[in-house]
Structure formats: C-alpha cells, structure tokens
C-alpha cells in the first residue's frame, strides 16, 4: 500500500457513517483493539459518536504480568468515569455512548511464538521494525477474528495513536485482514459480511497531544515503554548509557 493520509481516509469514512446514521435506528458496531487507557482515551472521545464500541484487550506482548494487569485495571477504571463525566469535552462526546470491554486470556507465549525475536535477532531492534510489525499482526489478527465471529460491522486499533508505531504497517495489516475475510466469503450467503477495517492515524490532528491532556485530566497511568520485554530492556539499556 502506498503512503496515504490515513486520518483523512478515516474522516471520510466517519462522515459517511454519520450521514447514514440519520436513517438508522442503531449505530454500527465497532471492535476497537486497545493496549491501554491513555491510548484509548482520545480514540474513544473521537469515535464514540459514530459507533457502539467494544474494546478488545488482547495484549500478550505486555511484560511482566503485573504490568499487563496494571494496564488492564487502569482501562477498567477509566471507562465508567469517562462515560459518567458530564463536565468535560470528553464527557460531552461520550453522552449516550455504548462502550463495553472484552478481556482475553493472558498468554505471553503467543507473543514469543509470533515475533520469533531471538531466532531472527530482533531483540535489540528499535520500535517500528519487523519485530513490532509481527506484534501488530498477531494482535490485530486475533481482534479481527473476534469481530468476524461476533458480527461487528467495523474493526480498528488504538495502536496508531502512538508516535512510536508505524501507521503504514498497521493500516496495511488491517486492509489485508478485511480483504482476506471478504475473499473467504465469496459465494456464501449474501447476508454474510466481513467487518470493515477503519483506517486511522489517530496521532494526527493533535490526537496524541489530546491523549496526553486526557491522561492528565483523568490521572491515568502512562507507561514508559511499549510493553514487551524487548522494549523494556532497550529502554533500560538506553537509560544506563545516559548515566555512564
């Protein structure tokens, strides 16, 4: 896929959905893969007027288990406050929104099997490289399969809000997942459909900046590394080097 303005593509899709909602009794359903509360904050504020949203928390990459639980707990605690807050712009955006949370089992071996970092010497690779691409692929495939099995209309991920994530690779994966599912449905019942992938680069239009503001407003825990053991070790090595 050639380089594109994915956020402009997202806006075009959302404008079409908003126009269509005027003639529909219900909003379309979106499955939103999410990695943490800070990344979810702005993304939810931005999307909840267009969709009924289910957050899919599938992140076997997060290390250690205590960090996984901390991020999950922060997300669980944030959502009811976000939905109940009537005194902020975020609360105004959330008025009448439906947001659910679907947790999955935590199995770090799924991450190690998928990225094969030691086999391919990717342990010290900086973020946005092949190790990260394989991690995006793992998590987005799992989320898309859940969306497909449970009749969601749309699917996307919060990952593109981070300046450390490669939006090009994320959107290529999402488009490929939709194409593969649609191809598999050819010749089946016309009522069958594949969830559509919502293109995004949520960091754009000051999205990342807004996530920082919301994190401060709600007192959210913001982690200082991506999540996996390799990113944690790379950060620790970098800090140790700065101290020498």
Protein backbone atom coordinates (compact mmCIF):
# COMPACT_ATOMS: atom_id res chain seq x y z
CA UNK A 1 0.00 0.00 0.00
CA UNK A 2 1.43 3.38 -1.00
CA UNK A 3 1.82 6.08 1.66
CA UNK A 4 -1.55 7.74 2.29
CA UNK A 5 -3.15 10.19 4.67
CA UNK A 6 -4.88 7.54 6.75
CA UNK A 7 -6.51 10.04 9.09
CA UNK A 8 -8.11 11.85 6.16
CA UNK A 9 -9.38 8.47 4.96
CA UNK A 10 -10.78 7.84 8.45
CA UNK A 11 -12.56 11.19 8.47
CA UNK A 12 -14.16 10.45 5.09
CA UNK A 13 -15.44 7.11 6.38
CA UNK A 14 -16.79 8.66 9.58
CA UNK A 15 -18.58 11.42 7.70
CA UNK A 16 -20.27 8.76 5.59
CA UNK A 17 -21.27 6.82 8.70
CA UNK A 18 -22.67 9.94 10.36
CA UNK A 19 -24.82 10.64 7.30
CA UNK A 20 -26.02 7.04 7.27
CA UNK A 21 -26.82 7.07 10.99
CA UNK A 22 -29.56 9.63 10.36
CA UNK A 23 -31.61 6.90 8.69
CA UNK A 24 -30.65 4.06 11.05
CA UNK A 25 -32.11 3.19 14.43
CA UNK A 26 -28.77 1.98 15.76
CA UNK A 27 -25.15 2.93 15.38
CA UNK A 28 -22.83 0.46 13.65
CA UNK A 29 -20.77 -1.75 15.97
CA UNK A 30 -17.02 -1.24 16.17
CA UNK A 31 -14.49 -3.61 17.73
CA UNK A 32 -11.59 -1.50 18.97
CA UNK A 33 -8.39 -3.31 19.84
CA UNK A 34 -6.75 -1.35 22.66
CA UNK A 35 -3.48 -1.62 24.53
CA UNK A 36 -4.06 0.75 27.47
CA UNK A 37 -6.22 3.54 28.90
CA UNK A 38 -4.14 6.52 27.67
CA UNK A 39 -4.22 5.33 24.06
CA UNK A 40 -7.93 4.57 24.38
CA UNK A 41 -8.86 7.96 25.86
CA UNK A 42 -8.71 10.19 22.79
CA UNK A 43 -9.63 7.35 20.43
CA UNK A 44 -12.88 6.80 22.32
CA UNK A 45 -13.60 10.51 22.52
CA UNK A 46 -13.13 10.71 18.77
CA UNK A 47 -15.12 7.61 17.75
CA UNK A 48 -17.95 7.13 20.23
CA UNK A 49 -20.46 9.39 18.50
CA UNK A 50 -20.20 7.23 15.38
CA UNK A 51 -20.23 3.70 16.84
CA UNK A 52 -21.32 1.40 19.61
CA UNK A 53 -17.86 0.30 20.73
CA UNK A 54 -16.47 -2.85 22.28
CA UNK A 55 -12.85 -2.59 23.40
CA UNK A 56 -10.88 -5.79 22.83
CA UNK A 57 -7.97 -6.08 25.25
CA UNK A 58 -5.65 -8.65 23.71
CA UNK A 59 -2.01 -7.89 24.51
CA UNK A 60 0.13 -10.97 25.19
CA UNK A 61 3.18 -8.85 24.40
CA UNK A 62 2.95 -6.91 27.68
CA UNK A 63 5.66 -7.82 30.19
CA UNK A 64 5.63 -8.62 33.05
CA UNK A 65 2.24 -9.95 34.14
CA UNK A 66 1.96 -7.22 36.77
CA UNK A 67 2.27 -4.59 34.03
CA UNK A 68 -0.41 -6.34 31.98
CA UNK A 69 -2.79 -6.28 34.95
CA UNK A 70 -1.98 -2.67 35.77
CA UNK A 71 -2.82 -1.51 32.25
CA UNK A 72 -6.00 -3.57 32.19
CA UNK A 73 -7.11 -2.28 35.60
CA UNK A 74 -6.46 1.30 34.54
CA UNK A 75 -8.63 0.78 31.47
CA UNK A 76 -11.40 -0.84 33.55
CA UNK A 77 -11.34 2.09 35.98
CA UNK A 78 -11.22 4.74 33.27
CA UNK A 79 -14.22 3.65 31.21
CA UNK A 80 -17.02 4.25 33.75
CA UNK A 81 -15.52 7.63 34.66
CA UNK A 82 -15.31 8.60 31.00
CA UNK A 83 -18.93 7.59 30.39
CA UNK A 84 -20.23 9.30 33.54
CA UNK A 85 -18.30 12.59 33.19
CA UNK A 86 -20.70 15.32 32.09
CA UNK A 87 -18.38 18.25 32.93
CA UNK A 88 -15.70 17.91 30.25
CA UNK A 89 -15.48 17.84 26.47
CA UNK A 90 -14.71 14.12 26.72
CA UNK A 91 -17.84 13.56 28.78
CA UNK A 92 -19.90 15.53 26.27
CA UNK A 93 -18.57 13.34 23.45
CA UNK A 94 -19.43 10.22 25.46
CA UNK A 95 -23.03 11.25 26.16
CA UNK A 96 -25.28 8.37 25.18
CA UNK A 97 -22.33 6.23 24.06
CA UNK A 98 -22.19 2.47 24.49
CA UNK A 99 -18.70 1.19 25.34
CA UNK A 100 -18.02 -2.36 26.52
CA UNK A 101 -14.78 -4.10 27.42
CA UNK A 102 -13.85 -7.62 26.32
CA UNK A 103 -10.83 -9.07 28.12
CA UNK A 104 -8.94 -12.09 26.78
CA UNK A 105 -6.65 -14.65 28.37
CA UNK A 106 -3.07 -13.55 29.01
CA UNK A 107 -0.65 -15.94 27.30
CA UNK A 108 2.78 -14.34 26.68
CA UNK A 109 3.96 -17.42 24.76
CA UNK A 110 1.67 -16.41 21.92
CA UNK A 111 3.73 -13.24 21.55
CA UNK A 112 7.09 -15.02 21.64
CA UNK A 113 5.90 -17.61 19.11
CA UNK A 114 4.64 -14.89 16.76
CA UNK A 115 7.59 -12.49 16.76
CA UNK A 116 10.44 -15.04 16.93
CA UNK A 117 12.76 -12.26 18.10
CA UNK A 118 15.58 -14.48 19.35
CA UNK A 119 15.57 -16.71 16.27
CA UNK A 120 15.79 -13.71 13.93
CA UNK A 121 17.99 -11.47 16.09
CA UNK A 122 15.29 -8.86 16.61
CA UNK A 123 15.65 -8.41 20.38
CA UNK A 124 17.53 -5.08 20.17
CA UNK A 125 15.71 -3.77 17.12
CA UNK A 126 14.24 -0.26 17.69
CA UNK A 127 10.49 0.21 17.62
CA UNK A 128 8.70 0.38 14.24
CA UNK A 129 10.78 -2.51 12.87
CA UNK A 130 9.95 -6.09 11.92
CA UNK A 131 9.54 -7.30 15.49
CA UNK A 132 6.86 -4.67 16.05
CA UNK A 133 5.18 -5.45 12.73
CA UNK A 134 4.82 -9.08 13.75
CA UNK A 135 3.37 -7.96 17.08
CA UNK A 136 0.81 -5.71 15.36
CA UNK A 137 -0.09 -8.63 13.10
CA UNK A 138 -0.66 -11.02 16.00
CA UNK A 139 -2.90 -8.70 17.98
CA UNK A 140 -4.87 -7.36 15.04
CA UNK A 141 -5.49 -10.83 13.60
CA UNK A 142 -6.86 -12.04 16.93
CA UNK A 143 -9.07 -8.97 17.28
CA UNK A 144 -10.33 -9.16 13.71
CA UNK A 145 -11.26 -12.81 14.14
CA UNK A 146 -13.29 -11.91 17.23
CA UNK A 147 -15.00 -9.12 15.27
CA UNK A 148 -15.80 -11.52 12.45
CA UNK A 149 -17.16 -14.24 14.72
CA UNK A 150 -19.34 -11.80 16.66
CA UNK A 151 -20.91 -9.84 13.84
CA UNK A 152 -19.20 -6.49 14.22
CA UNK A 153 -19.56 -4.00 11.39
CA UNK A 154 -16.15 -2.36 11.80
CA UNK A 155 -12.75 -3.04 13.32
CA UNK A 156 -9.71 -0.91 14.16
CA UNK A 157 -6.96 -0.48 16.77
CA UNK A 158 -5.67 2.30 19.01
CA UNK A 159 -2.06 1.47 18.07
CA UNK A 160 -1.71 4.26 15.51
CA UNK A 161 -2.06 6.95 18.18
CA UNK A 162 1.50 6.35 19.35
CA UNK A 163 4.29 8.30 17.61
CA UNK A 164 6.40 5.16 18.09
CA UNK A 165 4.09 2.98 15.99
CA UNK A 166 4.17 2.65 12.19
CA UNK A 167 0.75 3.69 10.88
CA UNK A 168 1.59 2.47 7.37
CA UNK A 169 2.20 -1.09 8.59
CA UNK A 170 -0.85 -1.01 10.88
CA UNK A 171 -3.17 0.04 8.07
CA UNK A 172 -1.67 -2.45 5.62
CA UNK A 173 -2.38 -5.25 8.09
CA UNK A 174 -5.95 -4.07 8.68
CA UNK A 175 -6.72 -3.82 4.98
CA UNK A 176 -5.25 -7.29 4.34
CA UNK A 177 -7.39 -8.80 7.11
CA UNK A 178 -10.56 -7.33 5.62
CA UNK A 179 -9.62 -8.44 2.10
CA UNK A 180 -8.84 -11.98 3.25
CA UNK A 181 -12.14 -12.30 5.11
CA UNK A 182 -14.12 -10.90 2.19
CA UNK A 183 -12.45 -13.30 -0.23
CA UNK A 184 -13.30 -16.21 2.06
CA UNK A 185 -16.97 -15.21 1.97
CA UNK A 186 -17.29 -15.20 -1.82
CA UNK A 187 -20.07 -17.49 -2.95
CA UNK A 188 -21.62 -17.71 0.51
CA UNK A 189 -24.96 -16.36 1.68
CA UNK A 190 -25.37 -12.73 0.63
CA UNK A 191 -26.19 -11.85 4.24
CA UNK A 192 -22.69 -12.83 5.33
CA UNK A 193 -20.25 -9.95 5.56
CA UNK A 194 -16.72 -9.24 6.72
CA UNK A 195 -16.10 -6.48 9.26
CA UNK A 196 -14.73 -3.41 7.52
CA UNK A 197 -11.39 -2.02 8.60
CA UNK A 198 -11.41 1.61 9.76
CA UNK A 199 -8.23 3.27 8.51
CA UNK A 200 -6.59 5.55 11.04
CA UNK A 201 -3.60 7.53 12.16
CA UNK A 202 -5.02 8.68 15.47
CA UNK A 203 -1.88 10.62 16.41
CA UNK A 204 -2.75 13.15 13.68
CA UNK A 205 -4.97 16.21 14.21
CA UNK A 206 -3.33 16.58 17.67
CA UNK A 207 -4.70 13.18 18.67
CA UNK A 208 -1.59 12.19 20.60
CA UNK A 209 -1.50 15.60 22.28
CA UNK A 210 -5.13 15.19 23.26
CA UNK A 211 -4.40 11.77 24.75
CA UNK A 212 -1.78 13.42 26.97
CA UNK A 213 -4.32 16.02 28.08
CA UNK A 214 -6.93 13.38 28.87
CA UNK A 215 -4.39 11.26 30.73
CA UNK A 216 -3.63 14.24 32.94
CA UNK A 217 -7.31 15.11 33.36
CA UNK A 218 -8.22 11.59 34.49
CA UNK A 219 -4.95 10.85 36.30
CA UNK A 220 -4.16 7.89 34.08
CA UNK A 221 -1.06 5.78 34.47
CA UNK A 222 1.15 6.27 31.42
CA UNK A 223 3.71 3.53 30.90
CA UNK A 224 7.25 4.49 29.83
CA UNK A 225 7.82 1.60 27.40
CA UNK A 226 5.77 -0.05 24.67
CA UNK A 227 5.02 -3.19 26.60
CA UNK A 228 7.15 -6.15 25.54
CA UNK A 229 10.24 -7.41 27.36
CA UNK A 230 12.45 -6.28 24.46
CA UNK A 231 11.20 -2.69 24.54
CA UNK A 232 11.61 -2.66 28.32
CA UNK A 233 15.20 -3.92 28.08
CA UNK A 234 16.01 -1.42 25.32
CA UNK A 235 14.73 1.46 27.46
CA UNK A 236 16.73 0.24 30.45
CA UNK A 237 19.90 -0.04 28.35
CA UNK A 238 19.35 3.46 26.99
CA UNK A 239 18.94 4.90 30.47
CA UNK A 240 22.01 3.07 31.74
CA UNK A 241 24.01 4.53 28.83
CA UNK A 242 22.87 8.04 29.67
CA UNK A 243 24.08 7.59 33.24
CA UNK A 244 27.57 6.48 32.18
